[in-house]
Amino acid sequence: LAEYSDLELAINTLVTEFHKAADNGPSMNATQFQTMISNQLPAFAKTVENEEGLGQVLQQMGVQSSQNISFENFWTLINKQAIQLFGFMHKEKNVKCGCLLQ
């Protein structure tokens, strides 16, 4: 049994949770997405609990109206959440994160 780093385990968790929420499909619908967010990102869940908030988040992720959410779309959200979370956790240290995906 190979030893995996914390980062490798975290990446595996992201992929595993996405597939679990998508019922092992390549993408998920908005309801599956909202359920995954409320279960796995509870601090962020308030943002997507109403239609307006959900629509804004999906747009930021590059999801078109009535389109399913791909892992690539999900990864865009993870990037934004990682930068925000880093900022919150390092606020007192005055450290900035410039890791934006283009």
PDB file of N, CA and C in Angstrom:
ATOM      1  N   LEU A   1       0.844  -1.189   0.000  1.00  0.00           N
ATOM      2  CA  LEU A   1       0.000   0.000   0.000  1.00  0.00           C
ATOM      3  C   LEU A   1       0.887   1.248   0.000  1.00  0.00           C
ATOM      4  N   ALA A   2       0.720   2.061  -1.021  1.00  0.00           N
ATOM      5  CA  ALA A   2       1.534   3.262  -1.162  1.00  0.00           C
ATOM      6  C   ALA A   2       1.089   4.335  -0.167  1.00  0.00           C
ATOM      7  N   GLU A   3       2.039   5.115   0.269  1.00  0.00           N
ATOM      8  CA  GLU A   3       1.743   6.264   1.126  1.00  0.00           C
ATOM      9  C   GLU A   3       1.470   7.460   0.226  1.00  0.00           C
ATOM     10  N   TYR A   4       0.405   8.167   0.504  1.00  0.00           N
ATOM     11  CA  TYR A   4       0.066   9.349  -0.283  1.00  0.00           C
ATOM     12  C   TYR A   4       0.232  10.593   0.580  1.00  0.00           C
ATOM     13  N   SER A   5       0.605  11.678  -0.049  1.00  0.00           N
ATOM     14  CA  SER A   5       0.768  12.947   0.667  1.00  0.00           C
ATOM     15  C   SER A   5      -0.606  13.546   0.977  1.00  0.00           C
ATOM     16  N   ASP A   6      -0.613  14.532   1.860  1.00  0.00           N
ATOM     17  CA  ASP A   6      -1.859  15.226   2.179  1.00  0.00           C
ATOM     18  C   ASP A   6      -2.467  15.848   0.925  1.00  0.00           C
ATOM     19  N   LEU A   7      -1.629  16.398   0.066  1.00  0.00           N
ATOM     20  CA  LEU A   7      -2.123  17.028  -1.161  1.00  0.00           C
ATOM     21  C   LEU A   7      -2.736  15.997  -2.105  1.00  0.00           C
ATOM     22  N   GLU A   8      -2.080  14.858  -2.256  1.00  0.00           N
ATOM     23  CA  GLU A   8      -2.636  13.791  -3.108  1.00  0.00           C
ATOM     24  C   GLU A   8      -3.977  13.299  -2.553  1.00  0.00           C
ATOM     25  N   LEU A   9      -4.058  13.154  -1.252  1.00  0.00           N
ATOM     26  CA  LEU A   9      -5.314  12.725  -0.630  1.00  0.00           C
ATOM     27  C   LEU A   9      -6.406  13.772  -0.815  1.00  0.00           C
ATOM     28  N   ALA A  10      -6.046  15.056  -0.718  1.00  0.00           N
ATOM     29  CA  ALA A  10      -7.021  16.133  -0.904  1.00  0.00           C
ATOM     30  C   ALA A  10      -7.546  16.137  -2.342  1.00  0.00           C
ATOM     31  N   ILE A  11      -6.668  15.972  -3.308  1.00  0.00           N
ATOM     32  CA  ILE A  11      -7.090  15.929  -4.716  1.00  0.00           C
ATOM     33  C   ILE A  11      -8.015  14.735  -4.937  1.00  0.00           C
ATOM     34  N   ASN A  12      -7.654  13.592  -4.393  1.00  0.00           N
ATOM     35  CA  ASN A  12      -8.498  12.410  -4.515  1.00  0.00           C
ATOM     36  C   ASN A  12      -9.873  12.655  -3.907  1.00  0.00           C
ATOM     37  N   THR A  13      -9.920  13.347  -2.772  1.00  0.00           N
ATOM     38  CA  THR A  13     -11.194  13.654  -2.124  1.00  0.00           C
ATOM     39  C   THR A  13     -12.053  14.535  -3.027  1.00  0.00           C
ATOM     40  N   LEU A  14     -11.466  15.551  -3.651  1.00  0.00           N
ATOM     41  CA  LEU A  14     -12.217  16.421  -4.563  1.00  0.00           C
ATOM     42  C   LEU A  14     -12.851  15.622  -5.693  1.00  0.00           C
ATOM     43  N   VAL A  15     -12.061  14.756  -6.310  1.00  0.00           N
ATOM     44  CA  VAL A  15     -12.559  13.950  -7.434  1.00  0.00           C
ATOM     45  C   VAL A  15     -13.618  12.966  -6.948  1.00  0.00           C
ATOM     46  N   THR A  16     -13.353  12.298  -5.836  1.00  0.00           N
ATOM     47  CA  THR A  16     -14.289  11.314  -5.283  1.00  0.00           C
ATOM     48  C   THR A  16     -15.629  11.951  -4.929  1.00  0.00           C
ATOM     49  N   GLU A  17     -15.589  13.099  -4.260  1.00  0.00           N
ATOM     50  CA  GLU A  17     -16.835  13.769  -3.856  1.00  0.00           C
ATOM     51  C   GLU A  17     -17.611  14.271  -5.070  1.00  0.00           C
ATOM     52  N   PHE A  18     -16.905  14.733  -6.102  1.00  0.00           N
ATOM     53  CA  PHE A  18     -17.587  15.163  -7.322  1.00  0.00           C
ATOM     54  C   PHE A  18     -18.329  13.974  -7.944  1.00  0.00           C
ATOM     55  N   HIS A  19     -17.634  12.850  -8.103  1.00  0.00           N
ATOM     56  CA  HIS A  19     -18.262  11.673  -8.720  1.00  0.00           C
ATOM     57  C   HIS A  19     -19.400  11.121  -7.875  1.00  0.00           C
ATOM     58  N   LYS A  20     -19.239  11.164  -6.563  1.00  0.00           N
ATOM     59  CA  LYS A  20     -20.305  10.701  -5.676  1.00  0.00           C
ATOM     60  C   LYS A  20     -21.555  11.569  -5.867  1.00  0.00           C
ATOM     61  N   ALA A  21     -21.370  12.890  -5.906  1.00  0.00           N
ATOM     62  CA  ALA A  21     -22.496  13.809  -6.081  1.00  0.00           C
ATOM     63  C   ALA A  21     -23.145  13.661  -7.455  1.00  0.00           C
ATOM     64  N   ALA A  22     -22.339  13.313  -8.454  1.00  0.00           N
ATOM     65  CA  ALA A  22     -22.832  13.173  -9.832  1.00  0.00           C
ATOM     66  C   ALA A  22     -23.322  11.755 -10.121  1.00  0.00           C
ATOM     67  N   ASP A  23     -23.492  10.939  -9.091  1.00  0.00           N
ATOM     68  CA  ASP A  23     -23.885   9.534  -9.263  1.00  0.00           C
ATOM     69  C   ASP A  23     -22.972   8.822 -10.262  1.00  0.00           C
ATOM     70  N   ASN A  24     -21.678   9.082 -10.121  1.00  0.00           N
ATOM     71  CA  ASN A  24     -20.626   8.500 -10.964  1.00  0.00           C
ATOM     72  C   ASN A  24     -20.707   8.894 -12.431  1.00  0.00           C
ATOM     73  N   GLY A  25     -21.451   9.942 -12.730  1.00  0.00           N
ATOM     74  CA  GLY A  25     -21.510  10.452 -14.097  1.00  0.00           C
ATOM     75  C   GLY A  25     -20.421  11.478 -14.343  1.00  0.00           C
ATOM     76  N   PRO A  26     -20.302  11.950 -15.594  1.00  0.00           N
ATOM     77  CA  PRO A  26     -19.271  12.938 -15.935  1.00  0.00           C
ATOM     78  C   PRO A  26     -19.648  14.371 -15.526  1.00  0.00           C
ATOM     79  N   SER A  27     -20.918  14.572 -15.172  1.00  0.00           N
ATOM     80  CA  SER A  27     -21.374  15.904 -14.769  1.00  0.00           C
ATOM     81  C   SER A  27     -22.561  15.743 -13.823  1.00  0.00           C
ATOM     82  N   MET A  28     -22.958  16.864 -13.204  1.00  0.00           N
ATOM     83  CA  MET A  28     -24.095  16.829 -12.282  1.00  0.00           C
ATOM     84  C   MET A  28     -25.047  17.967 -12.593  1.00  0.00           C
ATOM     85  N   ASN A  29     -26.296  17.796 -12.169  1.00  0.00           N
ATOM     86  CA  ASN A  29     -27.271  18.871 -12.365  1.00  0.00           C
ATOM     87  C   ASN A  29     -27.207  19.831 -11.174  1.00  0.00           C
ATOM     88  N   ALA A  30     -27.977  20.904 -11.246  1.00  0.00           N
ATOM     89  CA  ALA A  30     -27.933  21.941 -10.215  1.00  0.00           C
ATOM     90  C   ALA A  30     -28.352  21.417  -8.843  1.00  0.00           C
ATOM     91  N   THR A  31     -29.321  20.525  -8.800  1.00  0.00           N
ATOM     92  CA  THR A  31     -29.775  19.972  -7.516  1.00  0.00           C
ATOM     93  C   THR A  31     -28.672  19.130  -6.874  1.00  0.00           C
ATOM     94  N   GLN A  32     -28.017  18.294  -7.674  1.00  0.00           N
ATOM     95  CA  GLN A  32     -26.904  17.491  -7.161  1.00  0.00           C
ATOM     96  C   GLN A  32     -25.778  18.405  -6.660  1.00  0.00           C
ATOM     97  N   PHE A  33     -25.533  19.474  -7.409  1.00  0.00           N
ATOM     98  CA  PHE A  33     -24.501  20.441  -7.041  1.00  0.00           C
ATOM     99  C   PHE A  33     -24.827  21.093  -5.693  1.00  0.00           C
ATOM    100  N   GLN A  34     -26.063  21.560  -5.537  1.00  0.00           N
ATOM    101  CA  GLN A  34     -26.468  22.201  -4.277  1.00  0.00           C
ATOM    102  C   GLN A  34     -26.338  21.234  -3.102  1.00  0.00           C
ATOM    103  N   THR A  35     -26.708  19.986  -3.298  1.00  0.00           N
ATOM    104  CA  THR A  35     -26.588  18.978  -2.238  1.00  0.00           C
ATOM    105  C   THR A  35     -25.128  18.772  -1.861  1.00  0.00           C
ATOM    106  N   MET A  36     -24.254  18.645  -2.873  1.00  0.00           N
ATOM    107  CA  MET A  36     -22.832  18.458  -2.605  1.00  0.00           C
ATOM    108  C   MET A  36     -22.269  19.658  -1.852  1.00  0.00           C
ATOM    109  N   ILE A  37     -22.627  20.865  -2.282  1.00  0.00           N
ATOM    110  CA  ILE A  37     -22.115  22.063  -1.623  1.00  0.00           C
ATOM    111  C   ILE A  37     -22.583  22.121  -0.171  1.00  0.00           C
ATOM    112  N   SER A  38     -23.861  21.840   0.086  1.00  0.00           N
ATOM    113  CA  SER A  38     -24.338  21.907   1.467  1.00  0.00           C
ATOM    114  C   SER A  38     -23.682  20.839   2.341  1.00  0.00           C
ATOM    115  N   ASN A  39     -23.363  19.682   1.765  1.00  0.00           N
ATOM    116  CA  ASN A  39     -22.713  18.616   2.535  1.00  0.00           C
ATOM    117  C   ASN A  39     -21.212  18.830   2.705  1.00  0.00           C
ATOM    118  N   GLN A  40     -20.546  19.328   1.663  1.00  0.00           N
ATOM    119  CA  GLN A  40     -19.081  19.367   1.662  1.00  0.00           C
ATOM    120  C   GLN A  40     -18.480  20.762   1.847  1.00  0.00           C
ATOM    121  N   LEU A  41     -19.239  21.804   1.566  1.00  0.00           N
ATOM    122  CA  LEU A  41     -18.755  23.178   1.743  1.00  0.00           C
ATOM    123  C   LEU A  41     -19.804  23.998   2.506  1.00  0.00           C
ATOM    124  N   PRO A  42     -20.093  23.606   3.749  1.00  0.00           N
ATOM    125  CA  PRO A  42     -21.196  24.250   4.477  1.00  0.00           C
ATOM    126  C   PRO A  42     -21.025  25.761   4.657  1.00  0.00           C
ATOM    127  N   ALA A  43     -19.805  26.250   4.769  1.00  0.00           N
ATOM    128  CA  ALA A  43     -19.600  27.694   4.927  1.00  0.00           C
ATOM    129  C   ALA A  43     -19.985  28.440   3.651  1.00  0.00           C
ATOM    130  N   PHE A  44     -19.897  27.768   2.518  1.00  0.00           N
ATOM    131  CA  PHE A  44     -20.222  28.368   1.223  1.00  0.00           C
ATOM    132  C   PHE A  44     -21.681  28.114   0.830  1.00  0.00           C
ATOM    133  N   ALA A  45     -22.320  27.164   1.479  1.00  0.00           N
ATOM    134  CA  ALA A  45     -23.659  26.700   1.087  1.00  0.00           C
ATOM    135  C   ALA A  45     -24.705  27.807   1.062  1.00  0.00           C
ATOM    136  N   LYS A  46     -24.605  28.773   1.953  1.00  0.00           N
ATOM    137  CA  LYS A  46     -25.586  29.870   1.990  1.00  0.00           C
ATOM    138  C   LYS A  46     -25.616  30.635   0.665  1.00  0.00           C
ATOM    139  N   THR A  47     -24.488  30.672  -0.023  1.00  0.00           N
ATOM    140  CA  THR A  47     -24.378  31.382  -1.296  1.00  0.00           C
ATOM    141  C   THR A  47     -25.266  30.777  -2.375  1.00  0.00           C
ATOM    142  N   VAL A  48     -25.469  29.461  -2.342  1.00  0.00           N
ATOM    143  CA  VAL A  48     -26.209  28.781  -3.413  1.00  0.00           C
ATOM    144  C   VAL A  48     -27.577  28.267  -2.975  1.00  0.00           C
ATOM    145  N   GLU A  49     -28.051  28.692  -1.796  1.00  0.00           N
ATOM    146  CA  GLU A  49     -29.319  28.134  -1.315  1.00  0.00           C
ATOM    147  C   GLU A  49     -30.544  28.727  -2.010  1.00  0.00           C
ATOM    148  N   ASN A  50     -30.407  29.895  -2.671  1.00  0.00           N
ATOM    149  CA  ASN A  50     -31.536  30.417  -3.441  1.00  0.00           C
ATOM    150  C   ASN A  50     -31.164  30.472  -4.926  1.00  0.00           C
ATOM    151  N   GLU A  51     -32.171  30.617  -5.768  1.00  0.00           N
ATOM    152  CA  GLU A  51     -31.956  30.566  -7.221  1.00  0.00           C
ATOM    153  C   GLU A  51     -31.006  31.653  -7.717  1.00  0.00           C
ATOM    154  N   GLU A  52     -31.134  32.851  -7.157  1.00  0.00           N
ATOM    155  CA  GLU A  52     -30.279  33.961  -7.597  1.00  0.00           C
ATOM    156  C   GLU A  52     -28.806  33.674  -7.286  1.00  0.00           C
ATOM    157  N   GLY A  53     -28.549  33.260  -6.052  1.00  0.00           N
ATOM    158  CA  GLY A  53     -27.178  32.935  -5.649  1.00  0.00           C
ATOM    159  C   GLY A  53     -26.617  31.782  -6.450  1.00  0.00           C
ATOM    160  N   LEU A  54     -27.429  30.755  -6.644  1.00  0.00           N
ATOM    161  CA  LEU A  54     -27.001  29.601  -7.430  1.00  0.00           C
ATOM    162  C   LEU A  54     -26.662  30.040  -8.850  1.00  0.00           C
ATOM    163  N   GLY A  55     -27.518  30.850  -9.446  1.00  0.00           N
ATOM    164  CA  GLY A  55     -27.279  31.324 -10.805  1.00  0.00           C
ATOM    165  C   GLY A  55     -25.980  32.093 -10.935  1.00  0.00           C
ATOM    166  N   GLN A  56     -25.684  32.932  -9.955  1.00  0.00           N
ATOM    167  CA  GLN A  56     -24.441  33.709  -9.980  1.00  0.00           C
ATOM    168  C   GLN A  56     -23.217  32.801  -9.872  1.00  0.00           C
ATOM    169  N   VAL A  57     -23.276  31.829  -8.975  1.00  0.00           N
ATOM    170  CA  VAL A  57     -22.149  30.906  -8.799  1.00  0.00           C
ATOM    171  C   VAL A  57     -21.939  30.080 -10.070  1.00  0.00           C
ATOM    172  N   LEU A  58     -23.031  29.570 -10.638  1.00  0.00           N
ATOM    173  CA  LEU A  58     -22.903  28.772 -11.865  1.00  0.00           C
ATOM    174  C   LEU A  58     -22.313  29.615 -12.990  1.00  0.00           C
ATOM    175  N   GLN A  59     -22.722  30.866 -13.085  1.00  0.00           N
ATOM    176  CA  GLN A  59     -22.179  31.758 -14.119  1.00  0.00           C
ATOM    177  C   GLN A  59     -20.676  31.964 -13.901  1.00  0.00           C
ATOM    178  N   GLN A  60     -20.262  32.187 -12.663  1.00  0.00           N
ATOM    179  CA  GLN A  60     -18.835  32.356 -12.347  1.00  0.00           C
ATOM    180  C   GLN A  60     -18.036  31.096 -12.685  1.00  0.00           C
ATOM    181  N   MET A  61     -18.706  29.948 -12.609  1.00  0.00           N
ATOM    182  CA  MET A  61     -18.051  28.674 -12.915  1.00  0.00           C
ATOM    183  C   MET A  61     -18.038  28.386 -14.421  1.00  0.00           C
ATOM    184  N   GLY A  62     -18.704  29.223 -15.199  1.00  0.00           N
ATOM    185  CA  GLY A  62     -18.743  29.025 -16.646  1.00  0.00           C
ATOM    186  C   GLY A  62     -19.831  28.074 -17.100  1.00  0.00           C
ATOM    187  N   VAL A  63     -20.842  27.859 -16.259  1.00  0.00           N
ATOM    188  CA  VAL A  63     -21.944  26.959 -16.597  1.00  0.00           C
ATOM    189  C   VAL A  63     -23.045  27.773 -17.266  1.00  0.00           C
ATOM    190  N   GLN A  64     -23.435  27.377 -18.466  1.00  0.00           N
ATOM    191  CA  GLN A  64     -24.512  28.051 -19.191  1.00  0.00           C
ATOM    192  C   GLN A  64     -25.860  27.621 -18.616  1.00  0.00           C
ATOM    193  N   SER A  65     -26.879  28.412 -18.865  1.00  0.00           N
ATOM    194  CA  SER A  65     -28.226  28.131 -18.378  1.00  0.00           C
ATOM    195  C   SER A  65     -28.666  26.718 -18.754  1.00  0.00           C
ATOM    196  N   SER A  66     -29.177  25.987 -17.805  1.00  0.00           N
ATOM    197  CA  SER A  66     -29.668  24.603 -17.916  1.00  0.00           C
ATOM    198  C   SER A  66     -28.604  23.592 -18.356  1.00  0.00           C
ATOM    199  N   GLN A  67     -27.341  23.969 -18.289  1.00  0.00           N
ATOM    200  CA  GLN A  67     -26.246  23.052 -18.613  1.00  0.00           C
ATOM    201  C   GLN A  67     -25.818  22.337 -17.328  1.00  0.00           C
ATOM    202  N   ASN A  68     -25.361  21.100 -17.449  1.00  0.00           N
ATOM    203  CA  ASN A  68     -24.849  20.385 -16.283  1.00  0.00           C
ATOM    204  C   ASN A  68     -23.471  20.911 -15.891  1.00  0.00           C
ATOM    205  N   ILE A  69     -23.056  20.595 -14.678  1.00  0.00           N
ATOM    206  CA  ILE A  69     -21.792  21.063 -14.127  1.00  0.00           C
ATOM    207  C   ILE A  69     -20.739  19.972 -14.318  1.00  0.00           C
ATOM    208  N   SER A  70     -19.682  20.314 -15.041  1.00  0.00           N
ATOM    209  CA  SER A  70     -18.587  19.377 -15.288  1.00  0.00           C
ATOM    210  C   SER A  70     -17.542  19.506 -14.178  1.00  0.00           C
ATOM    211  N   PHE A  71     -16.591  18.593 -14.169  1.00  0.00           N
ATOM    212  CA  PHE A  71     -15.515  18.693 -13.185  1.00  0.00           C
ATOM    213  C   PHE A  71     -14.695  19.956 -13.442  1.00  0.00           C
ATOM    214  N   GLU A  72     -14.539  20.321 -14.700  1.00  0.00           N
ATOM    215  CA  GLU A  72     -13.808  21.549 -15.035  1.00  0.00           C
ATOM    216  C   GLU A  72     -14.510  22.770 -14.422  1.00  0.00           C
ATOM    217  N   ASN A  73     -15.844  22.819 -14.516  1.00  0.00           N
ATOM    218  CA  ASN A  73     -16.598  23.902 -13.883  1.00  0.00           C
ATOM    219  C   ASN A  73     -16.378  23.877 -12.373  1.00  0.00           C
ATOM    220  N   PHE A  74     -16.459  22.701 -11.785  1.00  0.00           N
ATOM    221  CA  PHE A  74     -16.267  22.527 -10.349  1.00  0.00           C
ATOM    222  C   PHE A  74     -14.872  22.994  -9.931  1.00  0.00           C
ATOM    223  N   TRP A  75     -13.871  22.696 -10.749  1.00  0.00           N
ATOM    224  CA  TRP A  75     -12.494  23.082 -10.450  1.00  0.00           C
ATOM    225  C   TRP A  75     -12.355  24.610 -10.402  1.00  0.00           C
ATOM    226  N   THR A  76     -13.111  25.311 -11.247  1.00  0.00           N
ATOM    227  CA  THR A  76     -13.117  26.770 -11.219  1.00  0.00           C
ATOM    228  C   THR A  76     -13.609  27.267  -9.859  1.00  0.00           C
ATOM    229  N   LEU A  77     -14.654  26.638  -9.342  1.00  0.00           N
ATOM    230  CA  LEU A  77     -15.166  26.987  -8.018  1.00  0.00           C
ATOM    231  C   LEU A  77     -14.120  26.697  -6.942  1.00  0.00           C
ATOM    232  N   ILE A  78     -13.468  25.557  -7.037  1.00  0.00           N
ATOM    233  CA  ILE A  78     -12.452  25.175  -6.049  1.00  0.00           C
ATOM    234  C   ILE A  78     -11.328  26.213  -6.037  1.00  0.00           C
ATOM    235  N   ASN A  79     -10.924  26.676  -7.219  1.00  0.00           N
ATOM    236  CA  ASN A  79      -9.886  27.704  -7.297  1.00  0.00           C
ATOM    237  C   ASN A  79     -10.315  28.958  -6.533  1.00  0.00           C
ATOM    238  N   LYS A  80     -11.529  29.421  -6.774  1.00  0.00           N
ATOM    239  CA  LYS A  80     -12.032  30.623  -6.105  1.00  0.00           C
ATOM    240  C   LYS A  80     -12.135  30.397  -4.591  1.00  0.00           C
ATOM    241  N   GLN A  81     -12.619  29.236  -4.204  1.00  0.00           N
ATOM    242  CA  GLN A  81     -12.761  28.932  -2.775  1.00  0.00           C
ATOM    243  C   GLN A  81     -11.397  28.806  -2.098  1.00  0.00           C
ATOM    244  N   ALA A  82     -10.420  28.239  -2.786  1.00  0.00           N
ATOM    245  CA  ALA A  82      -9.082  28.087  -2.217  1.00  0.00           C
ATOM    246  C   ALA A  82      -8.463  29.448  -1.925  1.00  0.00           C
ATOM    247  N   ILE A  83      -8.613  30.373  -2.857  1.00  0.00           N
ATOM    248  CA  ILE A  83      -8.054  31.715  -2.676  1.00  0.00           C
ATOM    249  C   ILE A  83      -8.761  32.428  -1.529  1.00  0.00           C
ATOM    250  N   GLN A  84     -10.098  32.315  -1.477  1.00  0.00           N
ATOM    251  CA  GLN A  84     -10.854  32.940  -0.387  1.00  0.00           C
ATOM    252  C   GLN A  84     -10.485  32.347   0.969  1.00  0.00           C
ATOM    253  N   LEU A  85     -10.450  31.029   1.033  1.00  0.00           N
ATOM    254  CA  LEU A  85     -10.134  30.350   2.286  1.00  0.00           C
ATOM    255  C   LEU A  85      -8.723  30.697   2.752  1.00  0.00           C
ATOM    256  N   PHE A  86      -7.784  30.725   1.820  1.00  0.00           N
ATOM    257  CA  PHE A  86      -6.411  31.107   2.155  1.00  0.00           C
ATOM    258  C   PHE A  86      -6.402  32.515   2.751  1.00  0.00           C
ATOM    259  N   GLY A  87      -7.151  33.425   2.129  1.00  0.00           N
ATOM    260  CA  GLY A  87      -7.223  34.793   2.624  1.00  0.00           C
ATOM    261  C   GLY A  87      -7.780  34.864   4.039  1.00  0.00           C
ATOM    262  N   PHE A  88      -8.868  34.113   4.294  1.00  0.00           N
ATOM    263  CA  PHE A  88      -9.465  34.105   5.631  1.00  0.00           C
ATOM    264  C   PHE A  88      -8.503  33.528   6.665  1.00  0.00           C
ATOM    265  N   MET A  89      -7.801  32.464   6.296  1.00  0.00           N
ATOM    266  CA  MET A  89      -6.931  31.785   7.254  1.00  0.00           C
ATOM    267  C   MET A  89      -5.629  32.545   7.508  1.00  0.00           C
ATOM    268  N   HIS A  90      -5.256  33.447   6.597  1.00  0.00           N
ATOM    269  CA  HIS A  90      -3.997  34.175   6.736  1.00  0.00           C
ATOM    270  C   HIS A  90      -4.207  35.677   6.871  1.00  0.00           C
ATOM    271  N   LYS A  91      -5.417  36.075   7.230  1.00  0.00           N
ATOM    272  CA  LYS A  91      -5.768  37.488   7.333  1.00  0.00           C
ATOM    273  C   LYS A  91      -4.802  38.254   8.231  1.00  0.00           C
ATOM    274  N   GLU A  92      -4.559  37.703   9.414  1.00  0.00           N
ATOM    275  CA  GLU A  92      -3.729  38.402  10.388  1.00  0.00           C
ATOM    276  C   GLU A  92      -2.262  38.494   9.963  1.00  0.00           C
ATOM    277  N   LYS A  93      -1.842  37.663   9.027  1.00  0.00           N
ATOM    278  CA  LYS A  93      -0.438  37.656   8.588  1.00  0.00           C
ATOM    279  C   LYS A  93      -0.204  38.580   7.397  1.00  0.00           C
ATOM    280  N   ASN A  94      -1.287  39.191   6.873  1.00  0.00           N
ATOM    281  CA  ASN A  94      -1.195  40.106   5.738  1.00  0.00           C
ATOM    282  C   ASN A  94      -0.525  39.458   4.524  1.00  0.00           C
ATOM    283  N   VAL A  95      -0.895  38.202   4.250  1.00  0.00           N
ATOM    284  CA  VAL A  95      -0.365  37.441   3.120  1.00  0.00           C
ATOM    285  C   VAL A  95      -1.421  37.409   2.037  1.00  0.00           C
ATOM    286  N   LYS A  96      -1.036  37.632   0.808  1.00  0.00           N
ATOM    287  CA  LYS A  96      -1.979  37.610  -0.313  1.00  0.00           C
ATOM    288  C   LYS A  96      -1.687  36.396  -1.195  1.00  0.00           C
ATOM    289  N   CYS A  97      -2.766  35.863  -1.793  1.00  0.00           N
ATOM    290  CA  CYS A  97      -2.632  34.746  -2.717  1.00  0.00           C
ATOM    291  C   CYS A  97      -2.931  35.260  -4.123  1.00  0.00           C
ATOM    292  N   GLY A  98      -2.013  35.050  -5.053  1.00  0.00           N
ATOM    293  CA  GLY A  98      -2.231  35.486  -6.432  1.00  0.00           C
ATOM    294  C   GLY A  98      -2.390  34.319  -7.383  1.00  0.00           C
ATOM    295  N   CYS A  99      -2.921  33.198  -6.888  1.00  0.00           N
ATOM    296  CA  CYS A  99      -3.021  31.980  -7.692  1.00  0.00           C
ATOM    297  C   CYS A  99      -4.299  31.927  -8.524  1.00  0.00           C
ATOM    298  N   LEU A 100      -4.581  32.909  -9.308  1.00  0.00           N
ATOM    299  CA  LEU A 100      -5.803  32.916 -10.114  1.00  0.00           C
ATOM    300  C   LEU A 100      -5.595  32.159 -11.410  1.00  0.00           C
ATOM    301  N   LEU A 101      -6.541  31.293 -11.731  1.00  0.00           N
ATOM    302  CA  LEU A 101      -6.521  30.616 -13.028  1.00  0.00           C
ATOM    303  C   LEU A 101      -7.029  31.584 -14.082  1.00  0.00           C
ATOM    304  N   GLN A 102      -6.466  31.547 -15.229  1.00  0.00           N
ATOM    305  CA  GLN A 102      -6.909  32.436 -16.320  1.00  0.00           C
ATOM    306  C   GLN A 102      -7.780  31.692 -17.283  1.00  0.00           C
TER     307      GLN A 102
END
